[in-house]
Protein backbone atom coordinates (compact mmCIF):
# COMPACT_ATOMS: atom_id res chain seq x y z
CA UNK A 1 -32.64 43.63 46.45
CA UNK A 2 -34.76 43.82 43.28
CA UNK A 3 -32.16 41.77 41.39
CA UNK A 4 -32.23 39.11 44.12
CA UNK A 5 -36.04 38.92 44.03
CA UNK A 6 -35.95 38.70 40.23
CA UNK A 7 -33.37 35.87 40.39
CA UNK A 8 -35.52 34.01 42.93
CA UNK A 9 -38.64 34.41 40.75
CA UNK A 10 -36.84 33.23 37.62
CA UNK A 11 -35.31 30.29 39.48
CA UNK A 12 -38.68 29.29 40.95
CA UNK A 13 -40.31 29.57 37.52
CA UNK A 14 -37.61 27.44 35.90
CA UNK A 15 -37.98 24.81 38.58
CA UNK A 16 -41.78 24.68 38.31
CA UNK A 17 -41.56 24.19 34.54
CA UNK A 18 -38.77 21.64 34.91
CA UNK A 19 -40.48 19.75 37.71
CA UNK A 20 -43.49 19.01 35.51
CA UNK A 21 -41.33 17.55 32.75
CA UNK A 22 -38.46 16.00 34.67
CA UNK A 23 -37.14 14.81 37.95
CA UNK A 24 -33.82 15.87 39.39
CA UNK A 25 -30.85 13.71 40.22
CA UNK A 26 -28.47 15.12 42.83
CA UNK A 27 -24.93 13.79 43.24
CA UNK A 28 -22.15 15.13 45.48
CA UNK A 29 -18.92 15.21 43.47
CA UNK A 30 -16.73 16.71 46.19
CA UNK A 31 -16.97 17.65 49.86
CA UNK A 32 -13.66 18.62 51.43
CA UNK A 33 -11.80 21.02 53.68
CA UNK A 34 -10.69 24.18 51.90
CA UNK A 35 -7.10 23.73 50.78
CA UNK A 36 -6.21 27.37 51.44
CA UNK A 37 -7.16 27.20 55.16
CA UNK A 38 -5.12 25.11 57.61
CA UNK A 39 -5.18 24.44 61.35
CA UNK A 40 -8.90 25.11 61.73
CA UNK A 41 -10.90 24.26 64.86
CA UNK A 42 -13.34 22.08 62.90
CA UNK A 43 -12.15 19.78 60.10
CA UNK A 44 -13.76 17.14 57.94
CA UNK A 45 -12.01 13.83 58.51
CA UNK A 46 -14.09 11.69 56.16
CA UNK A 47 -16.86 12.02 53.58
CA UNK A 48 -18.61 9.15 51.79
CA UNK A 49 -21.61 9.10 49.51
CA UNK A 50 -23.56 5.86 49.04
CA UNK A 51 -25.81 5.42 46.02
CA UNK A 52 -27.48 2.06 46.52
CA UNK A 53 -30.61 2.90 44.52
CA UNK A 54 -32.65 5.94 43.53
CA UNK A 55 -34.49 6.10 46.85
CA UNK A 56 -31.73 4.56 48.95
CA UNK A 57 -28.97 7.16 49.04
CA UNK A 58 -26.96 8.46 51.94
CA UNK A 59 -24.00 10.62 52.75
CA UNK A 60 -21.69 10.21 55.75
CA UNK A 61 -19.37 12.77 57.28
CA UNK A 62 -17.04 12.68 60.25
CA UNK A 63 -15.80 15.97 61.68
CA UNK A 64 -13.19 16.59 64.32
CA UNK A 65 -13.69 19.55 66.65
CA UNK A 66 -10.27 20.38 68.05
CA UNK A 67 -11.22 22.97 70.67
CA UNK A 68 -14.16 24.31 72.67
CA UNK A 69 -16.22 26.63 70.43
CA UNK A 70 -18.51 29.27 71.88
CA UNK A 71 -19.56 32.78 71.02
CA UNK A 72 -21.39 34.29 68.09
CA UNK A 73 -20.65 32.01 65.16
CA UNK A 74 -21.20 33.67 61.79
CA UNK A 75 -20.92 32.34 58.28
CA UNK A 76 -20.23 33.26 54.70
CA UNK A 77 -21.38 31.26 51.69
CA UNK A 78 -20.48 31.66 48.04
CA UNK A 79 -22.36 29.66 45.41
CA UNK A 80 -21.34 29.28 41.78
CA UNK A 81 -23.22 27.54 38.95
CA UNK A 82 -21.55 26.06 35.87
CA UNK A 83 -22.99 24.11 32.98
CA UNK A 84 -22.76 20.31 33.13
CA UNK A 85 -19.26 20.31 31.62
CA UNK A 86 -18.02 22.20 34.68
CA UNK A 87 -15.67 24.24 32.50
CA UNK A 88 -14.55 27.42 34.33
CA UNK A 89 -15.66 29.67 31.43
CA UNK A 90 -19.25 28.45 31.91
CA UNK A 91 -19.41 29.39 35.60
CA UNK A 92 -21.10 32.40 37.17
CA UNK A 93 -21.68 33.56 40.72
CA UNK A 94 -25.17 32.70 41.91
CA UNK A 95 -24.58 34.03 45.43
CA UNK A 96 -21.37 35.83 46.35
CA UNK A 97 -20.31 36.23 49.99
CA UNK A 98 -23.74 35.77 51.60
CA UNK A 99 -23.13 36.66 55.25
CA UNK A 100 -25.22 35.48 58.20
CA UNK A 101 -24.88 35.43 61.97
CA UNK A 102 -26.47 33.55 64.84
CA UNK A 103 -25.48 30.12 63.52
CA UNK A 104 -26.10 28.48 66.93
CA UNK A 105 -29.70 29.74 66.97
CA UNK A 106 -30.33 28.90 63.31
CA UNK A 107 -28.98 25.36 63.55
CA UNK A 108 -31.77 24.46 66.00
CA UNK A 109 -34.56 25.66 63.67
CA UNK A 110 -36.90 22.95 62.38
CA UNK A 111 -38.02 22.27 58.79
CA UNK A 112 -35.03 24.02 57.26
CA UNK A 113 -32.68 22.75 54.56
CA UNK A 114 -30.00 22.11 57.18
CA UNK A 115 -32.28 20.45 59.78
CA UNK A 116 -31.67 16.82 58.65
CA UNK A 117 -27.92 17.47 58.63
CA UNK A 118 -27.78 19.04 62.10
CA UNK A 119 -30.12 16.42 63.63
CA UNK A 120 -28.10 13.53 62.19
CA UNK A 121 -25.00 14.14 64.33
CA UNK A 122 -23.83 11.70 66.95
CA UNK A 123 -23.11 12.99 69.51
CA UNK A 124 -25.75 15.70 69.24
CA UNK A 125 -24.44 18.95 67.77
CA UNK A 126 -25.18 21.85 70.11
CA UNK A 127 -23.61 25.14 71.11
CA UNK A 128 -21.24 25.57 72.76
CA UNK A 129 -19.55 22.89 70.67
CA UNK A 130 -17.29 20.63 72.70
CA UNK A 131 -14.08 19.08 71.35
CA UNK A 132 -14.51 15.59 69.94
CA UNK A 133 -15.48 13.57 66.90
CA UNK A 134 -18.94 14.13 65.39
CA UNK A 135 -20.44 11.73 62.85
CA UNK A 136 -23.35 12.44 60.54
CA UNK A 137 -25.29 10.15 58.23
CA UNK A 138 -28.11 11.55 56.13
CA UNK A 139 -30.54 9.47 54.09
CA UNK A 140 -32.26 11.22 51.24
CA UNK A 141 -34.19 10.64 48.07
CA UNK A 142 -33.83 12.99 45.15
CA UNK A 143 -37.41 14.24 45.39
CA UNK A 144 -37.36 15.09 49.09
CA UNK A 145 -33.89 16.62 49.08
CA UNK A 146 -34.45 18.81 46.03
CA UNK A 147 -37.52 20.53 47.47
CA UNK A 148 -35.13 22.78 49.41
CA UNK A 149 -32.94 23.43 46.39
CA UNK A 150 -35.10 23.98 43.31
CA UNK A 151 -32.13 24.54 41.04
CA UNK A 152 -31.59 24.06 37.33
CA UNK A 153 -29.22 21.37 36.11
CA UNK A 154 -25.51 22.04 36.19
CA UNK A 155 -22.40 21.75 38.30
CA UNK A 156 -22.81 23.75 41.51
CA UNK A 157 -19.88 24.78 43.69
CA UNK A 158 -20.07 26.26 47.15
CA UNK A 159 -17.68 27.48 49.78
CA UNK A 160 -18.95 27.56 53.36
CA UNK A 161 -16.95 29.40 56.02
CA UNK A 162 -17.80 29.65 59.72
CA UNK A 163 -16.07 32.22 61.92
CA UNK A 164 -16.07 33.62 65.43
CA UNK A 165 -15.19 37.30 65.17
CA UNK A 166 -12.32 37.28 62.66
CA UNK A 167 -11.15 33.71 63.33
CA UNK A 168 -12.17 31.13 60.71
CA UNK A 169 -13.11 27.89 62.49
CA UNK A 170 -14.42 25.86 59.51
CA UNK A 171 -14.05 26.05 55.74
CA UNK A 172 -15.65 23.53 53.39
CA UNK A 173 -15.67 23.30 49.59
CA UNK A 174 -18.53 21.43 47.95
CA UNK A 175 -19.29 20.47 44.38
CA UNK A 176 -22.48 18.75 43.31
CA UNK A 177 -24.15 17.85 40.05
CA UNK A 178 -27.85 18.35 39.35
CA UNK A 179 -29.19 16.58 36.28
CA UNK A 180 -32.68 16.52 34.78
CA UNK A 181 -33.94 13.06 33.97
CA UNK A 182 -36.67 13.36 31.35
CA UNK A 183 -39.78 11.29 31.63
CA UNK A 184 -40.74 9.31 28.57
């Protein structure tokens, strides 16, 4: 616990120093279904990122829910940070196998990092989750989006798994790039 608090303090300190000198640019490099999981109940059909201008950026996702999903959905997230080259020998675990439960309750919470994502779905995403196609489009600017993720520059990789009991229903792999843009 002490190590986690120390990491959070160091990360917050780095961000505060960085924020004064620079602004952050966030770019999604990859968002896809995990290749090592097949026949899942929820799959990503399409992902697009649009970068029209600095303050006119969006990301679109379409998910297919193949069966009725109810029960206590839990999740596991692993987060890795690499330097900007993305070379495997520069990567380290930032969070390994963070487990959480009560996903249906949490997804309705307001003013959370995931709130814009959950609220963007058409049709509305709610538990129990009914079979069908769910589309999401999120508009963000670098400044507003990064307030939830005060992270240093680098290539970040995440794996997000949702399960009901021991059955995996969703697995997503993400990779994004965070770059400091220095002010002159």
